[in-house]
Amino acid sequence: MIVKTLLAAIVAGLIAGVFMTAAQEMRVVPLILHAEEYEGEAPAADQPATQEPAAAGHDQHSSLNSTSPLGALASALSPVTPAYAHEHEGDHEEGGIMFGLSRFSGTLLANLVTGAGFSLLLAGVSLVIGYPITLANGAAWGAFGWLAVHLLPAIGLPPELPGFPAAELGDRQVWWAATVLFSAVGLYLLALRPELVAKIAGLVLIAAPQVYGAPQPLDISSNVPAVLGAEFAVAALATTLAFWLVLGVVSGFINDRFVKAH
């Protein structure tokens, strides 16, 4: 049964990854391309009054554009996670993301791997805590995954466009990972443990990273319009919510089919 659960998770993850790619192409990718037009410009406050905007400059990037191959891979596998944002901005001026792939192919590959990985993680958690993913509760599983991995970390580190200032990569990664872990445990205590002490502990765990605070850049000036950043954050969070809901529902559907066939 464990093998079937993991197999269902992989299939569901691949389906969700394809769905995620289509959703990103409709809204998220156009916003990224728009933001890339502003890269290389000085922030508006620093430009002389007579200076004409340089729409296609790509010579200056975030202070984090020097990275290892492992870091670039991690960035590609989490395309809208701000903990890895700005890590490979200088690698795709010609439209490629990694290993010479086109932007679309790289996004699809990253989403397939991400979908399978998150789906296996969700299946593993369900096996450990003894709450199987079914069609009836699949959407709830997906919603909790989205809360832990995306929405709660986004309170401190919202999804960021290229050209937006960001704190040091290592600091962001540590805070993001800790927030995901604390949020996941906290949500488990709140949703599945009946004890009052457990629920209070869950609230404390969820609030702790936010109270501590996410790492922030020293200089927040940017040439990318703030409204564009806000649109991107909303689009990215909405896209990931749809991804997680599809992931949970499809996982539950396949699991139910396996149970009926057993």
Protein backbone atom coordinates (compact mmCIF):
# COMPACT_ATOMS: atom_id res chain seq x y z
CA MET A 1 0.00 0.00 0.00
CA ILE A 2 2.91 2.32 0.72
CA VAL A 3 4.26 1.80 -2.80
CA LYS A 4 0.84 2.57 -4.30
CA THR A 5 0.55 5.71 -2.18
CA LEU A 6 3.95 6.94 -3.35
CA LEU A 7 3.13 6.04 -6.96
CA ALA A 8 -0.12 7.99 -6.70
CA ALA A 9 1.86 10.91 -5.30
CA ILE A 10 4.27 10.93 -8.24
CA VAL A 11 1.47 10.82 -10.81
CA ALA A 12 -0.46 13.56 -9.01
CA GLY A 13 2.69 15.67 -8.75
CA LEU A 14 3.38 15.41 -12.47
CA ILE A 15 -0.21 16.36 -13.32
CA ALA A 16 -0.07 19.31 -10.92
CA GLY A 17 3.27 20.34 -12.42
CA VAL A 18 1.80 20.50 -15.93
CA PHE A 19 -1.16 22.48 -14.60
CA MET A 20 1.19 24.84 -12.77
CA THR A 21 3.18 25.50 -15.93
CA ALA A 22 0.05 26.38 -17.90
CA ALA A 23 -1.15 28.69 -15.12
CA GLN A 24 2.23 30.42 -14.89
CA GLU A 25 2.38 30.97 -18.64
CA MET A 26 -0.95 32.79 -18.52
CA ARG A 27 -0.15 35.28 -15.77
CA VAL A 28 3.13 34.84 -13.88
CA VAL A 29 5.58 34.62 -16.79
CA PRO A 30 4.27 37.77 -18.54
CA LEU A 31 4.83 39.73 -15.33
CA ILE A 32 8.39 38.39 -15.04
CA LEU A 33 9.13 39.36 -18.64
CA HIS A 34 7.73 42.82 -18.00
CA ALA A 35 9.88 43.24 -14.90
CA GLU A 36 13.00 42.14 -16.78
CA GLU A 37 12.60 45.17 -19.03
CA TYR A 38 13.47 47.34 -16.02
CA GLU A 39 16.64 45.45 -15.09
CA GLY A 40 19.79 47.52 -15.44
CA GLU A 41 18.05 50.84 -14.81
CA ALA A 42 18.93 52.95 -11.82
CA PRO A 43 16.12 53.35 -9.29
CA ALA A 44 13.83 56.24 -10.18
CA ALA A 45 14.99 58.28 -7.20
CA ASP A 46 18.59 58.05 -8.43
CA GLN A 47 17.99 58.96 -12.08
CA PRO A 48 18.73 62.48 -13.34
CA ALA A 49 15.65 64.37 -14.49
CA THR A 50 16.83 64.30 -18.11
CA GLN A 51 17.74 60.65 -18.22
CA GLU A 52 15.72 58.46 -20.59
CA PRO A 53 14.62 55.05 -19.23
CA ALA A 54 16.65 52.10 -20.48
CA ALA A 55 14.03 49.47 -21.08
CA ALA A 56 16.21 46.52 -21.95
CA GLY A 57 19.30 46.85 -19.77
CA HIS A 58 20.54 43.64 -18.21
CA ASP A 59 24.00 44.64 -17.02
CA GLN A 60 23.21 45.10 -13.36
CA HIS A 61 21.50 42.52 -11.23
CA SER A 62 20.86 41.68 -7.60
CA SER A 63 23.83 41.32 -5.30
CA LEU A 64 22.98 37.61 -5.24
CA ASN A 65 23.64 36.82 -8.88
CA SER A 66 26.86 35.02 -8.04
CA THR A 67 25.85 31.49 -7.13
CA SER A 68 26.88 27.85 -7.23
CA PRO A 69 25.40 25.33 -9.70
CA LEU A 70 23.60 23.69 -6.77
CA GLY A 71 22.08 27.01 -5.83
CA ALA A 72 20.97 27.63 -9.41
CA LEU A 73 19.30 24.23 -9.50
CA ALA A 74 17.53 24.89 -6.20
CA SER A 75 16.36 28.20 -7.58
CA ALA A 76 14.98 26.63 -10.73
CA LEU A 77 13.15 23.99 -8.72
CA SER A 78 11.37 26.67 -6.71
CA PRO A 79 10.55 29.30 -9.32
CA VAL A 80 8.30 31.53 -7.20
CA THR A 81 9.78 30.94 -3.76
CA PRO A 82 11.39 34.16 -2.56
CA ALA A 83 13.96 32.28 -0.52
CA TYR A 84 15.69 31.49 -3.82
CA ALA A 85 14.73 34.59 -5.77
CA HIS A 86 17.26 36.62 -7.81
CA GLU A 87 19.72 33.77 -7.77
CA HIS A 88 20.10 33.20 -11.50
CA GLU A 89 18.90 36.41 -13.08
CA GLY A 90 22.03 36.67 -15.21
CA ASP A 91 21.67 33.20 -16.66
CA HIS A 92 18.75 33.60 -19.04
CA GLU A 93 19.15 36.73 -21.09
CA GLU A 94 18.81 34.57 -24.21
CA GLY A 95 15.60 32.97 -22.95
CA GLY A 96 17.13 29.90 -21.30
CA ILE A 97 16.86 28.97 -17.65
CA MET A 98 19.20 26.07 -17.07
CA PHE A 99 21.21 23.52 -19.04
CA GLY A 100 20.45 25.36 -22.31
CA LEU A 101 16.69 24.78 -22.11
CA SER A 102 14.20 27.36 -23.31
CA ARG A 103 12.35 29.35 -20.69
CA PHE A 104 9.17 27.28 -21.15
CA SER A 105 11.00 23.95 -21.14
CA GLY A 106 12.96 24.90 -18.04
CA THR A 107 9.80 26.04 -16.27
CA LEU A 108 7.99 22.82 -17.20
CA LEU A 109 10.89 20.65 -16.03
CA ALA A 110 11.19 22.57 -12.77
CA ASN A 111 7.46 22.33 -12.12
CA LEU A 112 7.37 18.60 -12.84
CA VAL A 113 10.19 17.96 -10.39
CA THR A 114 8.70 20.37 -7.84
CA GLY A 115 5.25 18.80 -8.20
CA ALA A 116 6.55 15.27 -7.74
CA GLY A 117 8.70 16.33 -4.80
CA PHE A 118 5.96 18.18 -2.95
CA SER A 119 3.49 15.37 -3.67
CA LEU A 120 5.86 12.75 -2.27
CA LEU A 121 6.43 14.94 0.78
CA LEU A 122 2.68 15.29 1.30
CA ALA A 123 2.21 11.53 0.92
CA GLY A 124 5.04 10.87 3.37
CA VAL A 125 3.49 13.16 5.96
CA SER A 126 0.11 11.46 5.54
CA LEU A 127 1.70 8.05 6.10
CA VAL A 128 3.64 9.20 9.16
CA ILE A 129 0.69 10.83 10.94
CA GLY A 130 -1.79 8.16 9.84
CA TYR A 131 -4.24 10.39 7.93
CA PRO A 132 -4.56 9.14 4.33
CA ILE A 133 -5.21 11.58 1.51
CA THR A 134 -8.63 10.90 -0.03
CA LEU A 135 -10.82 12.65 -2.56
CA ALA A 136 -12.94 13.97 0.31
CA ASN A 137 -10.03 15.63 2.13
CA GLY A 138 -7.61 16.17 -0.76
CA ALA A 139 -8.44 19.86 -1.12
CA ALA A 140 -7.84 20.37 2.61
CA TRP A 141 -4.46 18.65 2.36
CA GLY A 142 -3.58 20.89 -0.56
CA ALA A 143 -4.73 24.02 1.25
CA PHE A 144 -2.62 23.21 4.30
CA GLY A 145 0.39 22.54 2.06
CA TRP A 146 -0.08 25.93 0.42
CA LEU A 147 -0.41 27.66 3.78
CA ALA A 148 2.78 26.09 5.12
CA VAL A 149 4.97 26.40 2.01
CA HIS A 150 3.73 29.61 0.40
CA LEU A 151 1.24 31.86 2.18
CA LEU A 152 2.70 31.95 5.70
CA PRO A 153 6.32 32.38 4.49
CA ALA A 154 5.05 35.06 2.07
CA ILE A 155 4.07 37.23 5.03
CA GLY A 156 7.78 37.90 5.56
CA LEU A 157 9.19 37.03 2.14
CA PRO A 158 6.59 37.70 -0.56
CA PRO A 159 7.24 36.44 -4.09
CA GLU A 160 9.65 38.85 -5.76
CA LEU A 161 10.21 39.92 -9.34
CA PRO A 162 13.65 40.26 -10.96
CA GLY A 163 15.12 43.63 -10.07
CA PHE A 164 13.56 43.79 -6.61
CA PRO A 165 16.01 44.25 -3.71
CA ALA A 166 16.51 41.23 -1.48
CA ALA A 167 18.45 40.25 1.62
CA GLU A 168 21.34 37.80 1.54
CA LEU A 169 20.40 34.46 -0.01
CA GLY A 170 21.57 32.30 2.89
CA ASP A 171 19.60 34.33 5.43
CA ARG A 172 16.45 34.08 3.34
CA GLN A 173 16.82 30.34 2.85
CA VAL A 174 17.25 29.69 6.57
CA TRP A 175 14.26 31.85 7.52
CA TRP A 176 12.08 30.36 4.80
CA ALA A 177 12.93 26.75 5.70
CA ALA A 178 12.36 27.41 9.41
CA THR A 179 9.04 29.10 8.66
CA VAL A 180 7.84 26.19 6.52
CA LEU A 181 8.79 23.69 9.23
CA PHE A 182 7.26 25.67 12.09
CA SER A 183 4.12 26.38 10.06
CA ALA A 184 3.64 22.74 9.06
CA VAL A 185 3.96 21.50 12.64
CA GLY A 186 1.77 24.33 13.90
CA LEU A 187 -0.97 23.58 11.37
CA TYR A 188 -0.85 19.90 12.32
CA LEU A 189 -1.29 20.74 15.99
CA LEU A 190 -4.13 23.15 15.25
CA ALA A 191 -6.04 20.92 12.85
CA LEU A 192 -5.49 17.40 14.12
CA ARG A 193 -4.73 17.54 17.83
CA PRO A 194 -7.69 17.97 20.19
CA GLU A 195 -5.71 19.11 23.24
CA LEU A 196 -5.91 22.81 24.09
CA VAL A 197 -2.20 22.88 24.91
CA ALA A 198 -1.41 21.47 21.46
CA LYS A 199 -3.51 24.14 19.75
CA ILE A 200 -1.83 26.91 21.72
CA ALA A 201 1.56 25.45 20.84
CA GLY A 202 0.50 25.37 17.19
CA LEU A 203 -0.37 29.06 17.24
CA VAL A 204 2.95 29.87 18.90
CA LEU A 205 4.89 27.90 16.28
CA ILE A 206 3.08 29.61 13.41
CA ALA A 207 3.59 33.07 14.90
CA ALA A 208 7.21 32.60 16.01
CA PRO A 209 8.94 33.15 12.62
CA GLN A 210 6.77 36.18 11.91
CA VAL A 211 7.55 37.71 15.30
CA TYR A 212 11.25 37.05 14.77
CA GLY A 213 11.02 38.68 11.35
CA ALA A 214 12.29 37.81 7.89
CA PRO A 215 15.67 39.13 6.69
CA GLN A 216 15.26 42.36 4.76
CA PRO A 217 17.58 44.22 2.35
CA LEU A 218 19.40 47.31 3.55
CA ASP A 219 18.33 49.27 0.47
CA ILE A 220 14.73 48.84 -0.70
CA SER A 221 14.93 51.17 -3.71
CA SER A 222 14.00 49.54 -7.02
CA ASN A 223 13.31 50.63 -10.58
CA VAL A 224 10.53 48.03 -10.90
CA PRO A 225 7.12 49.63 -10.27
CA ALA A 226 5.61 48.63 -6.94
CA VAL A 227 2.26 47.88 -8.56
CA LEU A 228 3.97 45.31 -10.79
CA GLY A 229 5.46 43.64 -7.74
CA ALA A 230 2.07 43.55 -6.04
CA GLU A 231 0.45 42.01 -9.11
CA PHE A 232 3.17 39.39 -9.26
CA ALA A 233 2.83 38.46 -5.59
CA VAL A 234 -0.93 37.98 -5.97
CA ALA A 235 -0.54 36.02 -9.22
CA ALA A 236 2.19 33.80 -7.78
CA LEU A 237 0.23 33.01 -4.62
CA ALA A 238 -2.96 32.35 -6.59
CA THR A 239 -1.09 30.06 -8.98
CA THR A 240 0.52 28.08 -6.19
CA LEU A 241 -2.85 27.76 -4.42
CA ALA A 242 -4.33 26.22 -7.57
CA PHE A 243 -1.27 23.96 -7.85
CA TRP A 244 -1.68 22.64 -4.30
CA LEU A 245 -5.44 22.14 -4.66
CA VAL A 246 -4.93 20.13 -7.86
CA LEU A 247 -2.16 18.18 -6.15
CA GLY A 248 -4.32 17.26 -3.16
CA VAL A 249 -7.47 16.44 -5.13
CA VAL A 250 -5.68 14.32 -7.74
CA SER A 251 -3.71 12.49 -5.03
CA GLY A 252 -6.93 11.74 -3.18
CA PHE A 253 -8.69 10.58 -6.34
CA ILE A 254 -5.89 8.17 -7.27
CA ASN A 255 -5.61 6.88 -3.70
CA ASP A 256 -9.36 6.18 -3.63
CA ARG A 257 -9.09 4.30 -6.92
CA PHE A 258 -6.28 2.16 -5.54
CA VAL A 259 -8.31 1.38 -2.41
CA LYS A 260 -11.36 0.35 -4.44
CA ALA A 261 -9.23 -1.80 -6.74
CA HIS A 262 -7.47 -3.50 -3.82
